Amino acid sequence: MSEKLKLTKPLKVIGANEDRELTELPYDFENMTARDKLNAGKKMKIDGMPIGMEEFDMDYHLYLFAEAACVADKSISTEDVLNMSAKDAQTAVVLARNFFFFDVAGLSRMIL
């Protein structure tokens, strides 16, 4: 199920046929696959960024969000998402972290 992040600053998405400006960015964590999660890590490594501890790595959470946006809308690229404002990126980081690593009460999902 695709959700949307309301952006504080419009995001320009470069398309094959036309460019467009988004005021909301769709994302879909629920339908991400293990391969999508691996792709987020691969894209991060290609960009020269090492992955720290997944639970605490804000950069990794941003790449997870970018992958979720790509899942929700195939015309959006990771590069498009990484061009969003820093303020919107911070919100995206929190969304990814909360989905993958915390429940709604804010308690860790990690099994010890």
C-alpha atoms as a PDB file:
ATOM      1  CA  MET A   1       0.000   0.000   0.000  1.00  0.00           C
ATOM      2  CA  SER A   2       1.540   3.257  -1.130  1.00  0.00           C
ATOM      3  CA  GLU A   3       1.652   6.208   1.258  1.00  0.00           C
ATOM      4  CA  LYS A   4       2.781   9.776   0.552  1.00  0.00           C
ATOM      5  CA  LEU A   5       5.233  12.123   2.196  1.00  0.00           C
ATOM      6  CA  LYS A   6       3.997  15.709   1.914  1.00  0.00           C
ATOM      7  CA  LEU A   7       7.049  17.713   0.878  1.00  0.00           C
ATOM      8  CA  THR A   8       7.887  21.112   2.342  1.00  0.00           C
ATOM      9  CA  LYS A   9       9.660  22.004  -0.898  1.00  0.00           C
ATOM     10  CA  PRO A  10       8.626  20.658  -4.336  1.00  0.00           C
ATOM     11  CA  LEU A  11      10.874  17.964  -5.784  1.00  0.00           C
ATOM     12  CA  LYS A  12      11.804  18.005  -9.466  1.00  0.00           C
ATOM     13  CA  VAL A  13      11.698  14.517 -10.996  1.00  0.00           C
ATOM     14  CA  ILE A  14      13.564  14.069 -14.258  1.00  0.00           C
ATOM     15  CA  GLY A  15      11.605  11.817 -16.605  1.00  0.00           C
ATOM     16  CA  ALA A  16      12.411  10.220 -19.946  1.00  0.00           C
ATOM     17  CA  ASN A  17       9.653  12.177 -21.682  1.00  0.00           C
ATOM     18  CA  GLU A  18       9.087  15.112 -19.344  1.00  0.00           C
ATOM     19  CA  ASP A  19      10.156  16.600 -16.046  1.00  0.00           C
ATOM     20  CA  ARG A  20       7.628  17.145 -13.273  1.00  0.00           C
ATOM     21  CA  GLU A  21       7.464  18.715  -9.843  1.00  0.00           C
ATOM     22  CA  LEU A  22       6.091  16.710  -6.945  1.00  0.00           C
ATOM     23  CA  THR A  23       4.592  18.196  -3.801  1.00  0.00           C
ATOM     24  CA  GLU A  24       4.086  14.698  -2.373  1.00  0.00           C
ATOM     25  CA  LEU A  25       6.397  11.726  -2.692  1.00  0.00           C
ATOM     26  CA  PRO A  26       4.845   8.248  -2.735  1.00  0.00           C
ATOM     27  CA  TYR A  27       6.593   5.439  -0.876  1.00  0.00           C
ATOM     28  CA  ASP A  28       5.752   1.804  -0.205  1.00  0.00           C
ATOM     29  CA  PHE A  29       7.624  -0.022   2.536  1.00  0.00           C
ATOM     30  CA  GLU A  30       5.020  -2.798   2.767  1.00  0.00           C
ATOM     31  CA  ASN A  31       5.672  -4.101  -0.750  1.00  0.00           C
ATOM     32  CA  MET A  32       9.440  -3.839  -0.654  1.00  0.00           C
ATOM     33  CA  THR A  33      11.179  -7.157  -1.147  1.00  0.00           C
ATOM     34  CA  ALA A  34      14.427  -8.437   0.295  1.00  0.00           C
ATOM     35  CA  ARG A  35      15.990  -7.599  -3.087  1.00  0.00           C
ATOM     36  CA  ASP A  36      14.755  -3.997  -2.781  1.00  0.00           C
ATOM     37  CA  LYS A  37      16.381  -3.766   0.653  1.00  0.00           C
ATOM     38  CA  LEU A  38      19.629  -5.165  -0.757  1.00  0.00           C
ATOM     39  CA  ASN A  39      19.440  -2.695  -3.653  1.00  0.00           C
ATOM     40  CA  ALA A  40      19.301   0.203  -1.186  1.00  0.00           C
ATOM     41  CA  GLY A  41      22.579  -1.014   0.324  1.00  0.00           C
ATOM     42  CA  LYS A  42      24.162  -1.567  -3.098  1.00  0.00           C
ATOM     43  CA  LYS A  43      23.220   1.933  -4.277  1.00  0.00           C
ATOM     44  CA  MET A  44      24.684   3.376  -1.110  1.00  0.00           C
ATOM     45  CA  LYS A  45      27.954   1.506  -1.668  1.00  0.00           C
ATOM     46  CA  ILE A  46      28.073   2.631  -5.313  1.00  0.00           C
ATOM     47  CA  ASP A  47      27.767   6.213  -4.034  1.00  0.00           C
ATOM     48  CA  GLY A  48      30.840   5.535  -1.884  1.00  0.00           C
ATOM     49  CA  MET A  49      29.040   5.439   1.432  1.00  0.00           C
ATOM     50  CA  PRO A  50      29.739   2.655   3.911  1.00  0.00           C
ATOM     51  CA  ILE A  51      26.841   1.167   5.862  1.00  0.00           C
ATOM     52  CA  GLY A  52      27.150   1.319   9.625  1.00  0.00           C
ATOM     53  CA  MET A  53      24.855  -0.445  12.054  1.00  0.00           C
ATOM     54  CA  GLU A  54      21.563  -0.606  10.167  1.00  0.00           C
ATOM     55  CA  GLU A  55      19.484   0.429  13.173  1.00  0.00           C
ATOM     56  CA  PHE A  56      21.375   3.715  13.604  1.00  0.00           C
ATOM     57  CA  ASP A  57      22.628   4.594  10.108  1.00  0.00           C
ATOM     58  CA  MET A  58      20.607   7.623   8.984  1.00  0.00           C
ATOM     59  CA  ASP A  59      22.132   7.543   5.498  1.00  0.00           C
ATOM     60  CA  TYR A  60      21.024   3.923   5.083  1.00  0.00           C
ATOM     61  CA  HIS A  61      17.519   4.863   6.228  1.00  0.00           C
ATOM     62  CA  LEU A  62      17.414   7.555   3.537  1.00  0.00           C
ATOM     63  CA  TYR A  63      18.403   5.019   0.882  1.00  0.00           C
ATOM     64  CA  LEU A  64      15.710   2.644   2.206  1.00  0.00           C
ATOM     65  CA  PHE A  65      13.176   5.438   1.823  1.00  0.00           C
ATOM     66  CA  ALA A  66      14.435   6.152  -1.704  1.00  0.00           C
ATOM     67  CA  GLU A  67      13.995   2.481  -2.593  1.00  0.00           C
ATOM     68  CA  ALA A  68      10.463   2.563  -1.145  1.00  0.00           C
ATOM     69  CA  ALA A  69       9.715   5.573  -3.375  1.00  0.00           C
ATOM     70  CA  CYS A  70      11.015   3.642  -6.396  1.00  0.00           C
ATOM     71  CA  VAL A  71       8.745   0.716  -5.449  1.00  0.00           C
ATOM     72  CA  ALA A  72       5.740   3.045  -5.195  1.00  0.00           C
ATOM     73  CA  ASP A  73       6.433   4.842  -8.489  1.00  0.00           C
ATOM     74  CA  LYS A  74       8.775   3.253 -11.028  1.00  0.00           C
ATOM     75  CA  SER A  75       9.319   6.626 -12.736  1.00  0.00           C
ATOM     76  CA  ILE A  76      11.078   7.966  -9.617  1.00  0.00           C
ATOM     77  CA  SER A  77      14.789   7.212  -9.225  1.00  0.00           C
ATOM     78  CA  THR A  78      16.999   7.092  -6.159  1.00  0.00           C
ATOM     79  CA  GLU A  79      18.801  10.133  -7.561  1.00  0.00           C
ATOM     80  CA  ASP A  80      15.496  12.027  -7.690  1.00  0.00           C
ATOM     81  CA  VAL A  81      14.783  11.232  -4.040  1.00  0.00           C
ATOM     82  CA  LEU A  82      18.293  12.226  -2.954  1.00  0.00           C
ATOM     83  CA  ASN A  83      17.625  15.687  -4.437  1.00  0.00           C
ATOM     84  CA  MET A  84      14.797  16.433  -2.001  1.00  0.00           C
ATOM     85  CA  SER A  85      15.276  19.138   0.610  1.00  0.00           C
ATOM     86  CA  ALA A  86      17.272  18.306   3.738  1.00  0.00           C
ATOM     87  CA  LYS A  87      14.194  18.906   5.889  1.00  0.00           C
ATOM     88  CA  ASP A  88      12.118  16.456   3.825  1.00  0.00           C
ATOM     89  CA  ALA A  89      15.022  13.990   3.866  1.00  0.00           C
ATOM     90  CA  GLN A  90      15.021  14.072   7.661  1.00  0.00           C
ATOM     91  CA  THR A  91      11.323  13.164   7.689  1.00  0.00           C
ATOM     92  CA  ALA A  92      11.995  10.363   5.206  1.00  0.00           C
ATOM     93  CA  VAL A  93      14.789   9.013   7.437  1.00  0.00           C
ATOM     94  CA  VAL A  94      12.425   8.882  10.418  1.00  0.00           C
ATOM     95  CA  LEU A  95       9.746   7.089   8.364  1.00  0.00           C
ATOM     96  CA  ALA A  96      12.191   4.395   7.228  1.00  0.00           C
ATOM     97  CA  ARG A  97      13.761   3.970  10.667  1.00  0.00           C
ATOM     98  CA  ASN A  98      10.384   3.657  12.338  1.00  0.00           C
ATOM     99  CA  PHE A  99       9.087   1.159   9.788  1.00  0.00           C
ATOM    100  CA  PHE A 100      12.098  -1.141   9.786  1.00  0.00           C
ATOM    101  CA  PHE A 101      13.446  -0.842  13.302  1.00  0.00           C
ATOM    102  CA  PHE A 102      10.750   0.462  15.695  1.00  0.00           C
ATOM    103  CA  ASP A 103       7.134  -0.284  16.434  1.00  0.00           C
ATOM    104  CA  VAL A 104       4.538   2.454  16.961  1.00  0.00           C
ATOM    105  CA  ALA A 105       5.393   2.691  20.661  1.00  0.00           C
ATOM    106  CA  GLY A 106       8.993   3.464  19.714  1.00  0.00           C
ATOM    107  CA  LEU A 107      10.361   0.231  21.093  1.00  0.00           C
ATOM    108  CA  SER A 108      12.999  -1.660  19.190  1.00  0.00           C
ATOM    109  CA  ARG A 109      11.792  -4.418  16.858  1.00  0.00           C
ATOM    110  CA  MET A 110      15.177  -6.054  16.887  1.00  0.00           C
ATOM    111  CA  ILE A 111      15.144  -9.542  18.380  1.00  0.00           C
ATOM    112  CA  LEU A 112      17.895 -10.068  20.908  1.00  0.00           C
END
